[in-house]
Amino acid sequence: KRDAAGLVPAVVQQYDTGAVLMLAWMNDAALARTLASG
């Protein structure tokens, strides 16, 4: 479910401590690239 600009908020968390690092935005291309590249 995207906003009017086609974006989804991404909460970014350190995997081992659980610390919330940042909030960023992803569109479909950003998510696809993240999933494909790591």
PDB file of all heavy atoms in Angstrom:
ATOM      1  N   LYS A   1       0.876  -1.170   0.000  1.00  0.00           N
ATOM      2  CA  LYS A   1       0.000   0.000   0.000  1.00  0.00           C
ATOM      3  C   LYS A   1       0.909   1.215   0.000  1.00  0.00           C
ATOM      4  O   LYS A   1       1.570   1.523   0.986  1.00  0.00           O
ATOM      5  CB  LYS A   1      -0.904  -0.004   1.229  1.00  0.00           C
ATOM      6  CG  LYS A   1      -1.935  -1.102   1.195  1.00  0.00           C
ATOM      7  CD  LYS A   1      -2.840  -1.047   2.399  1.00  0.00           C
ATOM      8  CE  LYS A   1      -3.788  -2.244   2.380  1.00  0.00           C
ATOM      9  NZ  LYS A   1      -4.450  -2.403   3.686  1.00  0.00           N
ATOM     10  N   ARG A   2       0.949   1.889  -1.132  1.00  0.00           N
ATOM     11  CA  ARG A   2       1.850   3.013  -1.333  1.00  0.00           C
ATOM     12  C   ARG A   2       1.136   4.335  -1.072  1.00  0.00           C
ATOM     13  O   ARG A   2      -0.074   4.416  -1.201  1.00  0.00           O
ATOM     14  CB  ARG A   2       2.378   2.990  -2.761  1.00  0.00           C
ATOM     15  CG  ARG A   2       3.078   1.694  -3.147  1.00  0.00           C
ATOM     16  CD  ARG A   2       3.140   1.557  -4.676  1.00  0.00           C
ATOM     17  NE  ARG A   2       3.579   0.243  -5.090  1.00  0.00           N
ATOM     18  CZ  ARG A   2       2.784  -0.824  -5.153  1.00  0.00           C
ATOM     19  NH1 ARG A   2       1.512  -0.750  -4.822  1.00  0.00           N
ATOM     20  NH2 ARG A   2       3.264  -1.989  -5.559  1.00  0.00           N
ATOM     21  N   ASP A   3       1.926   5.375  -0.779  1.00  0.00           N
ATOM     22  CA  ASP A   3       1.338   6.709  -0.655  1.00  0.00           C
ATOM     23  C   ASP A   3       1.089   7.267  -2.058  1.00  0.00           C
ATOM     24  O   ASP A   3       1.331   6.578  -3.062  1.00  0.00           O
ATOM     25  CB  ASP A   3       2.213   7.626   0.209  1.00  0.00           C
ATOM     26  CG  ASP A   3       3.533   8.034  -0.440  1.00  0.00           C
ATOM     27  OD1 ASP A   3       3.773   7.729  -1.639  1.00  0.00           O
ATOM     28  OD2 ASP A   3       4.335   8.668   0.263  1.00  0.00           O
ATOM     29  N   ALA A   4       0.630   8.503  -2.139  1.00  0.00           N
ATOM     30  CA  ALA A   4       0.292   9.105  -3.433  1.00  0.00           C
ATOM     31  C   ALA A   4       1.494   9.195  -4.374  1.00  0.00           C
ATOM     32  O   ALA A   4       1.327   9.226  -5.593  1.00  0.00           O
ATOM     33  CB  ALA A   4      -0.313  10.496  -3.216  1.00  0.00           C
ATOM     34  N   ALA A   5       2.696   9.221  -3.820  1.00  0.00           N
ATOM     35  CA  ALA A   5       3.908   9.295  -4.636  1.00  0.00           C
ATOM     36  C   ALA A   5       4.441   7.913  -4.998  1.00  0.00           C
ATOM     37  O   ALA A   5       5.497   7.797  -5.619  1.00  0.00           O
ATOM     38  CB  ALA A   5       4.981  10.098  -3.894  1.00  0.00           C
ATOM     39  N   GLY A   6       3.730   6.859  -4.586  1.00  0.00           N
ATOM     40  CA  GLY A   6       4.161   5.500  -4.892  1.00  0.00           C
ATOM     41  C   GLY A   6       5.212   4.958  -3.936  1.00  0.00           C
ATOM     42  O   GLY A   6       5.922   4.019  -4.263  1.00  0.00           O
ATOM     43  N   LEU A   7       5.282   5.560  -2.742  1.00  0.00           N
ATOM     44  CA  LEU A   7       6.321   5.188  -1.783  1.00  0.00           C
ATOM     45  C   LEU A   7       5.759   4.475  -0.560  1.00  0.00           C
ATOM     46  O   LEU A   7       4.605   4.677  -0.181  1.00  0.00           O
ATOM     47  CB  LEU A   7       7.062   6.447  -1.315  1.00  0.00           C
ATOM     48  CG  LEU A   7       7.703   7.286  -2.421  1.00  0.00           C
ATOM     49  CD1 LEU A   7       8.277   8.560  -1.846  1.00  0.00           C
ATOM     50  CD2 LEU A   7       8.757   6.483  -3.159  1.00  0.00           C
ATOM     51  N   VAL A   8       6.622   3.673   0.053  1.00  0.00           N
ATOM     52  CA  VAL A   8       6.310   2.956   1.286  1.00  0.00           C
ATOM     53  C   VAL A   8       7.416   3.308   2.283  1.00  0.00           C
ATOM     54  O   VAL A   8       8.597   3.246   1.923  1.00  0.00           O
ATOM     55  CB  VAL A   8       6.277   1.432   1.059  1.00  0.00           C
ATOM     56  CG1 VAL A   8       6.043   0.682   2.351  1.00  0.00           C
ATOM     57  CG2 VAL A   8       5.240   1.059   0.017  1.00  0.00           C
ATOM     58  N   PRO A   9       7.062   3.683   3.524  1.00  0.00           N
ATOM     59  CA  PRO A   9       8.109   3.958   4.509  1.00  0.00           C
ATOM     60  C   PRO A   9       8.826   2.662   4.896  1.00  0.00           C
ATOM     61  O   PRO A   9       8.212   1.604   5.004  1.00  0.00           O
ATOM     62  CB  PRO A   9       7.359   4.552   5.701  1.00  0.00           C
ATOM     63  CG  PRO A   9       5.942   4.133   5.535  1.00  0.00           C
ATOM     64  CD  PRO A   9       5.721   3.904   4.070  1.00  0.00           C
ATOM     65  N   ALA A  10      10.133   2.792   5.113  1.00  0.00           N
ATOM     66  CA  ALA A  10      10.954   1.657   5.515  1.00  0.00           C
ATOM     67  C   ALA A  10      11.660   2.009   6.822  1.00  0.00           C
ATOM     68  O   ALA A  10      12.509   2.899   6.858  1.00  0.00           O
ATOM     69  CB  ALA A  10      11.984   1.331   4.431  1.00  0.00           C
ATOM     70  N   VAL A  11      11.269   1.329   7.887  1.00  0.00           N
ATOM     71  CA  VAL A  11      11.940   1.481   9.168  1.00  0.00           C
ATOM     72  C   VAL A  11      13.175   0.600   9.111  1.00  0.00           C
ATOM     73  O   VAL A  11      13.075  -0.593   8.800  1.00  0.00           O
ATOM     74  CB  VAL A  11      11.011   1.055  10.330  1.00  0.00           C
ATOM     75  CG1 VAL A  11      11.740   1.119  11.664  1.00  0.00           C
ATOM     76  CG2 VAL A  11       9.747   1.893  10.339  1.00  0.00           C
ATOM     77  N   VAL A  12      14.331   1.183   9.408  1.00  0.00           N
ATOM     78  CA  VAL A  12      15.589   0.454   9.288  1.00  0.00           C
ATOM     79  C   VAL A  12      16.129   0.181  10.688  1.00  0.00           C
ATOM     80  O   VAL A  12      16.295   1.098  11.494  1.00  0.00           O
ATOM     81  CB  VAL A  12      16.614   1.240   8.451  1.00  0.00           C
ATOM     82  CG1 VAL A  12      17.884   0.430   8.257  1.00  0.00           C
ATOM     83  CG2 VAL A  12      16.008   1.632   7.104  1.00  0.00           C
ATOM     84  N   GLN A  13      16.406  -1.092  10.953  1.00  0.00           N
ATOM     85  CA  GLN A  13      16.782  -1.547  12.286  1.00  0.00           C
ATOM     86  C   GLN A  13      18.072  -2.357  12.219  1.00  0.00           C
ATOM     87  O   GLN A  13      18.260  -3.150  11.288  1.00  0.00           O
ATOM     88  CB  GLN A  13      15.644  -2.416  12.829  1.00  0.00           C
ATOM     89  CG  GLN A  13      15.835  -2.973  14.209  1.00  0.00           C
ATOM     90  CD  GLN A  13      14.652  -3.850  14.621  1.00  0.00           C
ATOM     91  OE1 GLN A  13      14.173  -4.670  13.836  1.00  0.00           O
ATOM     92  NE2 GLN A  13      14.191  -3.662  15.833  1.00  0.00           N
ATOM     93  N   GLN A  14      18.948  -2.161  13.198  1.00  0.00           N
ATOM     94  CA  GLN A  14      20.152  -2.987  13.315  1.00  0.00           C
ATOM     95  C   GLN A  14      19.709  -4.392  13.681  1.00  0.00           C
ATOM     96  O   GLN A  14      18.996  -4.587  14.662  1.00  0.00           O
ATOM     97  CB  GLN A  14      21.101  -2.417  14.368  1.00  0.00           C
ATOM     98  CG  GLN A  14      22.332  -3.254  14.624  1.00  0.00           C
ATOM     99  CD  GLN A  14      23.257  -3.392  13.420  1.00  0.00           C
ATOM    100  OE1 GLN A  14      23.358  -2.517  12.581  1.00  0.00           O
ATOM    101  NE2 GLN A  14      23.932  -4.540  13.330  1.00  0.00           N
ATOM    102  N   TYR A  15      20.126  -5.377  12.908  1.00  0.00           N
ATOM    103  CA  TYR A  15      19.590  -6.733  13.049  1.00  0.00           C
ATOM    104  C   TYR A  15      19.898  -7.386  14.393  1.00  0.00           C
ATOM    105  O   TYR A  15      19.089  -8.144  14.914  1.00  0.00           O
ATOM    106  CB  TYR A  15      20.076  -7.643  11.914  1.00  0.00           C
ATOM    107  CG  TYR A  15      21.439  -8.246  12.147  1.00  0.00           C
ATOM    108  CD1 TYR A  15      21.578  -9.531  12.657  1.00  0.00           C
ATOM    109  CD2 TYR A  15      22.595  -7.515  11.902  1.00  0.00           C
ATOM    110  CE1 TYR A  15      22.824 -10.081  12.895  1.00  0.00           C
ATOM    111  CE2 TYR A  15      23.841  -8.052  12.140  1.00  0.00           C
ATOM    112  CZ  TYR A  15      23.953  -9.324  12.636  1.00  0.00           C
ATOM    113  OH  TYR A  15      25.194  -9.859  12.877  1.00  0.00           O
ATOM    114  N   ASP A  16      21.061  -7.108  14.991  1.00  0.00           N
ATOM    115  CA  ASP A  16      21.437  -7.827  16.207  1.00  0.00           C
ATOM    116  C   ASP A  16      21.099  -7.108  17.508  1.00  0.00           C
ATOM    117  O   ASP A  16      20.909  -7.748  18.532  1.00  0.00           O
ATOM    118  CB  ASP A  16      22.917  -8.217  16.183  1.00  0.00           C
ATOM    119  CG  ASP A  16      23.850  -7.049  15.953  1.00  0.00           C
ATOM    120  OD1 ASP A  16      23.386  -5.916  15.696  1.00  0.00           O
ATOM    121  OD2 ASP A  16      25.079  -7.259  16.023  1.00  0.00           O
ATOM    122  N   THR A  17      20.984  -5.791  17.478  1.00  0.00           N
ATOM    123  CA  THR A  17      20.671  -5.046  18.708  1.00  0.00           C
ATOM    124  C   THR A  17      19.226  -4.574  18.757  1.00  0.00           C
ATOM    125  O   THR A  17      18.733  -4.240  19.824  1.00  0.00           O
ATOM    126  CB  THR A  17      21.577  -3.815  18.851  1.00  0.00           C
ATOM    127  OG1 THR A  17      21.274  -2.890  17.799  1.00  0.00           O
ATOM    128  CG2 THR A  17      23.051  -4.203  18.832  1.00  0.00           C
ATOM    129  N   GLY A  18      18.590  -4.497  17.603  1.00  0.00           N
ATOM    130  CA  GLY A  18      17.221  -3.988  17.547  1.00  0.00           C
ATOM    131  C   GLY A  18      17.146  -2.475  17.503  1.00  0.00           C
ATOM    132  O   GLY A  18      16.054  -1.906  17.454  1.00  0.00           O
ATOM    133  N   ALA A  19      18.276  -1.788  17.521  1.00  0.00           N
ATOM    134  CA  ALA A  19      18.276  -0.321  17.481  1.00  0.00           C
ATOM    135  C   ALA A  19      17.651   0.164  16.172  1.00  0.00           C
ATOM    136  O   ALA A  19      17.979  -0.341  15.098  1.00  0.00           O
ATOM    137  CB  ALA A  19      19.707   0.211  17.602  1.00  0.00           C
ATOM    138  N   VAL A  20      16.760   1.144  16.290  1.00  0.00           N
ATOM    139  CA  VAL A  20      16.172   1.757  15.102  1.00  0.00           C
ATOM    140  C   VAL A  20      17.180   2.776  14.581  1.00  0.00           C
ATOM    141  O   VAL A  20      17.573   3.695  15.297  1.00  0.00           O
ATOM    142  CB  VAL A  20      14.818   2.420  15.405  1.00  0.00           C
ATOM    143  CG1 VAL A  20      14.282   3.130  14.177  1.00  0.00           C
ATOM    144  CG2 VAL A  20      13.822   1.375  15.904  1.00  0.00           C
ATOM    145  N   LEU A  21      17.610   2.594  13.343  1.00  0.00           N
ATOM    146  CA  LEU A  21      18.665   3.421  12.778  1.00  0.00           C
ATOM    147  C   LEU A  21      18.141   4.624  12.014  1.00  0.00           C
ATOM    148  O   LEU A  21      18.690   5.717  12.115  1.00  0.00           O
ATOM    149  CB  LEU A  21      19.539   2.576  11.848  1.00  0.00           C
ATOM    150  CG  LEU A  21      20.201   1.352  12.481  1.00  0.00           C
ATOM    151  CD1 LEU A  21      20.920   0.537  11.413  1.00  0.00           C
ATOM    152  CD2 LEU A  21      21.143   1.775  13.593  1.00  0.00           C
ATOM    153  N   MET A  22      17.111   4.421  11.227  1.00  0.00           N
ATOM    154  CA  MET A  22      16.625   5.494  10.360  1.00  0.00           C
ATOM    155  C   MET A  22      15.267   5.126   9.768  1.00  0.00           C
ATOM    156  O   MET A  22      14.818   3.991   9.899  1.00  0.00           O
ATOM    157  CB  MET A  22      17.616   5.771   9.225  1.00  0.00           C
ATOM    158  CG  MET A  22      17.945   4.556   8.376  1.00  0.00           C
ATOM    159  SD  MET A  22      19.218   4.840   7.146  1.00  0.00           S
ATOM    160  CE  MET A  22      18.251   5.413   5.765  1.00  0.00           C
ATOM    161  N   LEU A  23      14.664   6.094   9.158  1.00  0.00           N
ATOM    162  CA  LEU A  23      13.447   5.894   8.368  1.00  0.00           C
ATOM    163  C   LEU A  23      13.772   6.354   6.963  1.00  0.00           C
ATOM    164  O   LEU A  23      14.343   7.435   6.779  1.00  0.00           O
ATOM    165  CB  LEU A  23      12.274   6.703   8.919  1.00  0.00           C
ATOM    166  CG  LEU A  23      11.032   6.665   8.035  1.00  0.00           C
ATOM    167  CD1 LEU A  23      10.317   5.332   8.192  1.00  0.00           C
ATOM    168  CD2 LEU A  23      10.090   7.800   8.349  1.00  0.00           C
ATOM    169  N   ALA A  24      13.456   5.533   6.002  1.00  0.00           N
ATOM    170  CA  ALA A  24      13.696   5.892   4.607  1.00  0.00           C
ATOM    171  C   ALA A  24      12.445   5.544   3.811  1.00  0.00           C
ATOM    172  O   ALA A  24      11.463   5.051   4.370  1.00  0.00           O
ATOM    173  CB  ALA A  24      14.910   5.141   4.070  1.00  0.00           C
ATOM    174  N   TRP A  25      12.488   5.788   2.530  1.00  0.00           N
ATOM    175  CA  TRP A  25      11.345   5.521   1.653  1.00  0.00           C
ATOM    176  C   TRP A  25      11.771   4.603   0.528  1.00  0.00           C
ATOM    177  O   TRP A  25      12.887   4.722   0.017  1.00  0.00           O
ATOM    178  CB  TRP A  25      10.800   6.833   1.080  1.00  0.00           C
ATOM    179  CG  TRP A  25      10.263   7.706   2.156  1.00  0.00           C
ATOM    180  CD1 TRP A  25      10.953   8.657   2.872  1.00  0.00           C
ATOM    181  CD2 TRP A  25       8.938   7.702   2.676  1.00  0.00           C
ATOM    182  NE1 TRP A  25      10.132   9.230   3.799  1.00  0.00           N
ATOM    183  CE2 TRP A  25       8.884   8.672   3.704  1.00  0.00           C
ATOM    184  CE3 TRP A  25       7.796   6.974   2.383  1.00  0.00           C
ATOM    185  CZ2 TRP A  25       7.725   8.932   4.427  1.00  0.00           C
ATOM    186  CZ3 TRP A  25       6.637   7.232   3.097  1.00  0.00           C
ATOM    187  CH2 TRP A  25       6.609   8.206   4.107  1.00  0.00           C
ATOM    188  N   MET A  26      10.879   3.704   0.152  1.00  0.00           N
ATOM    189  CA  MET A  26      11.142   2.809  -0.977  1.00  0.00           C
ATOM    190  C   MET A  26       9.992   2.868  -1.968  1.00  0.00           C
ATOM    191  O   MET A  26       8.833   2.922  -1.563  1.00  0.00           O
ATOM    192  CB  MET A  26      11.293   1.360  -0.501  1.00  0.00           C
ATOM    193  CG  MET A  26      12.543   1.062   0.254  1.00  0.00           C
ATOM    194  SD  MET A  26      12.645  -0.721   0.578  1.00  0.00           S
ATOM    195  CE  MET A  26      14.345  -0.859   1.071  1.00  0.00           C
ATOM    196  N   ASN A  27      10.342   2.856  -3.239  1.00  0.00           N
ATOM    197  CA  ASN A  27       9.343   2.602  -4.267  1.00  0.00           C
ATOM    198  C   ASN A  27       9.561   1.156  -4.718  1.00  0.00           C
ATOM    199  O   ASN A  27      10.398   0.448  -4.167  1.00  0.00           O
ATOM    200  CB  ASN A  27       9.445   3.621  -5.416  1.00  0.00           C
ATOM    201  CG  ASN A  27      10.789   3.599  -6.114  1.00  0.00           C
ATOM    202  OD1 ASN A  27      11.620   2.721  -5.904  1.00  0.00           O
ATOM    203  ND2 ASN A  27      11.018   4.593  -6.966  1.00  0.00           N
ATOM    204  N   ASP A  28       8.815   0.716  -5.694  1.00  0.00           N
ATOM    205  CA  ASP A  28       8.932  -0.671  -6.140  1.00  0.00           C
ATOM    206  C   ASP A  28      10.338  -0.997  -6.630  1.00  0.00           C
ATOM    207  O   ASP A  28      10.865  -2.072  -6.344  1.00  0.00           O
ATOM    208  CB  ASP A  28       7.921  -0.965  -7.241  1.00  0.00           C
ATOM    209  CG  ASP A  28       6.492  -1.051  -6.729  1.00  0.00           C
ATOM    210  OD1 ASP A  28       6.187  -0.543  -5.637  1.00  0.00           O
ATOM    211  OD2 ASP A  28       5.670  -1.645  -7.433  1.00  0.00           O
ATOM    212  N   ALA A  29      10.958  -0.067  -7.343  1.00  0.00           N
ATOM    213  CA  ALA A  29      12.298  -0.320  -7.875  1.00  0.00           C
ATOM    214  C   ALA A  29      13.318  -0.437  -6.748  1.00  0.00           C
ATOM    215  O   ALA A  29      14.202  -1.304  -6.799  1.00  0.00           O
ATOM    216  CB  ALA A  29      12.701   0.789  -8.846  1.00  0.00           C
ATOM    217  N   ALA A  30      13.216   0.409  -5.731  1.00  0.00           N
ATOM    218  CA  ALA A  30      14.148   0.350  -4.597  1.00  0.00           C
ATOM    219  C   ALA A  30      13.993  -0.965  -3.843  1.00  0.00           C
ATOM    220  O   ALA A  30      14.990  -1.601  -3.471  1.00  0.00           O
ATOM    221  CB  ALA A  30      13.919   1.530  -3.661  1.00  0.00           C
ATOM    222  N   LEU A  31      12.763  -1.383  -3.632  1.00  0.00           N
ATOM    223  CA  LEU A  31      12.529  -2.644  -2.938  1.00  0.00           C
ATOM    224  C   LEU A  31      13.047  -3.817  -3.758  1.00  0.00           C
ATOM    225  O   LEU A  31      13.709  -4.712  -3.229  1.00  0.00           O
ATOM    226  CB  LEU A  31      11.044  -2.816  -2.613  1.00  0.00           C
ATOM    227  CG  LEU A  31      10.660  -4.101  -1.881  1.00  0.00           C
ATOM    228  CD1 LEU A  31      11.463  -4.291  -0.598  1.00  0.00           C
ATOM    229  CD2 LEU A  31       9.155  -4.109  -1.601  1.00  0.00           C
ATOM    230  N   ALA A  32      12.779  -3.807  -5.043  1.00  0.00           N
ATOM    231  CA  ALA A  32      13.258  -4.890  -5.913  1.00  0.00           C
ATOM    232  C   ALA A  32      14.778  -4.971  -5.893  1.00  0.00           C
ATOM    233  O   ALA A  32      15.357  -6.058  -5.771  1.00  0.00           O
ATOM    234  CB  ALA A  32      12.759  -4.674  -7.345  1.00  0.00           C
ATOM    235  N   ARG A  33      15.439  -3.824  -5.975  1.00  0.00           N
ATOM    236  CA  ARG A  33      16.900  -3.807  -5.976  1.00  0.00           C
ATOM    237  C   ARG A  33      17.458  -4.271  -4.624  1.00  0.00           C
ATOM    238  O   ARG A  33      18.441  -4.999  -4.568  1.00  0.00           O
ATOM    239  CB  ARG A  33      17.423  -2.419  -6.323  1.00  0.00           C
ATOM    240  CG  ARG A  33      18.928  -2.415  -6.511  1.00  0.00           C
ATOM    241  CD  ARG A  33      19.479  -1.077  -6.849  1.00  0.00           C
ATOM    242  NE  ARG A  33      19.121  -0.683  -8.203  1.00  0.00           N
ATOM    243  CZ  ARG A  33      19.543   0.447  -8.761  1.00  0.00           C
ATOM    244  NH1 ARG A  33      20.305   1.282  -8.089  1.00  0.00           N
ATOM    245  NH2 ARG A  33      19.199   0.736  -9.998  1.00  0.00           N
ATOM    246  N   THR A  34      16.811  -3.849  -3.537  1.00  0.00           N
ATOM    247  CA  THR A  34      17.235  -4.271  -2.200  1.00  0.00           C
ATOM    248  C   THR A  34      17.140  -5.780  -2.057  1.00  0.00           C
ATOM    249  O   THR A  34      18.071  -6.429  -1.588  1.00  0.00           O
ATOM    250  CB  THR A  34      16.368  -3.577  -1.120  1.00  0.00           C
ATOM    251  OG1 THR A  34      16.595  -2.165  -1.188  1.00  0.00           O
ATOM    252  CG2 THR A  34      16.678  -4.087   0.266  1.00  0.00           C
ATOM    253  N   LEU A  35      16.003  -6.337  -2.473  1.00  0.00           N
ATOM    254  CA  LEU A  35      15.805  -7.785  -2.358  1.00  0.00           C
ATOM    255  C   LEU A  35      16.776  -8.561  -3.239  1.00  0.00           C
ATOM    256  O   LEU A  35      17.254  -9.627  -2.856  1.00  0.00           O
ATOM    257  CB  LEU A  35      14.360  -8.144  -2.711  1.00  0.00           C
ATOM    258  CG  LEU A  35      13.290  -7.594  -1.753  1.00  0.00           C
ATOM    259  CD1 LEU A  35      11.898  -7.855  -2.312  1.00  0.00           C
ATOM    260  CD2 LEU A  35      13.450  -8.171  -0.359  1.00  0.00           C
ATOM    261  N   ALA A  36      17.089  -8.030  -4.398  1.00  0.00           N
ATOM    262  CA  ALA A  36      17.973  -8.734  -5.333  1.00  0.00           C
ATOM    263  C   ALA A  36      19.446  -8.612  -4.964  1.00  0.00           C
ATOM    264  O   ALA A  36      20.211  -9.563  -5.134  1.00  0.00           O
ATOM    265  CB  ALA A  36      17.758  -8.208  -6.750  1.00  0.00           C
ATOM    266  N   SER A  37      19.851  -7.446  -4.434  1.00  0.00           N
ATOM    267  CA  SER A  37      21.276  -7.193  -4.207  1.00  0.00           C
ATOM    268  C   SER A  37      21.745  -7.441  -2.778  1.00  0.00           C
ATOM    269  O   SER A  37      22.932  -7.647  -2.544  1.00  0.00           O
ATOM    270  CB  SER A  37      21.606  -5.741  -4.569  1.00  0.00           C
ATOM    271  OG  SER A  37      21.047  -4.857  -3.589  1.00  0.00           O
ATOM    272  N   GLY A  38      20.818  -7.351  -1.818  1.00  0.00           N
ATOM    273  CA  GLY A  38      21.220  -7.462  -0.415  1.00  0.00           C
ATOM    274  C   GLY A  38      21.820  -6.187   0.134  1.00  0.00           C
ATOM    275  O   GLY A  38      22.264  -6.143   1.273  1.00  0.00           O
TER     276      GLY A  38
END
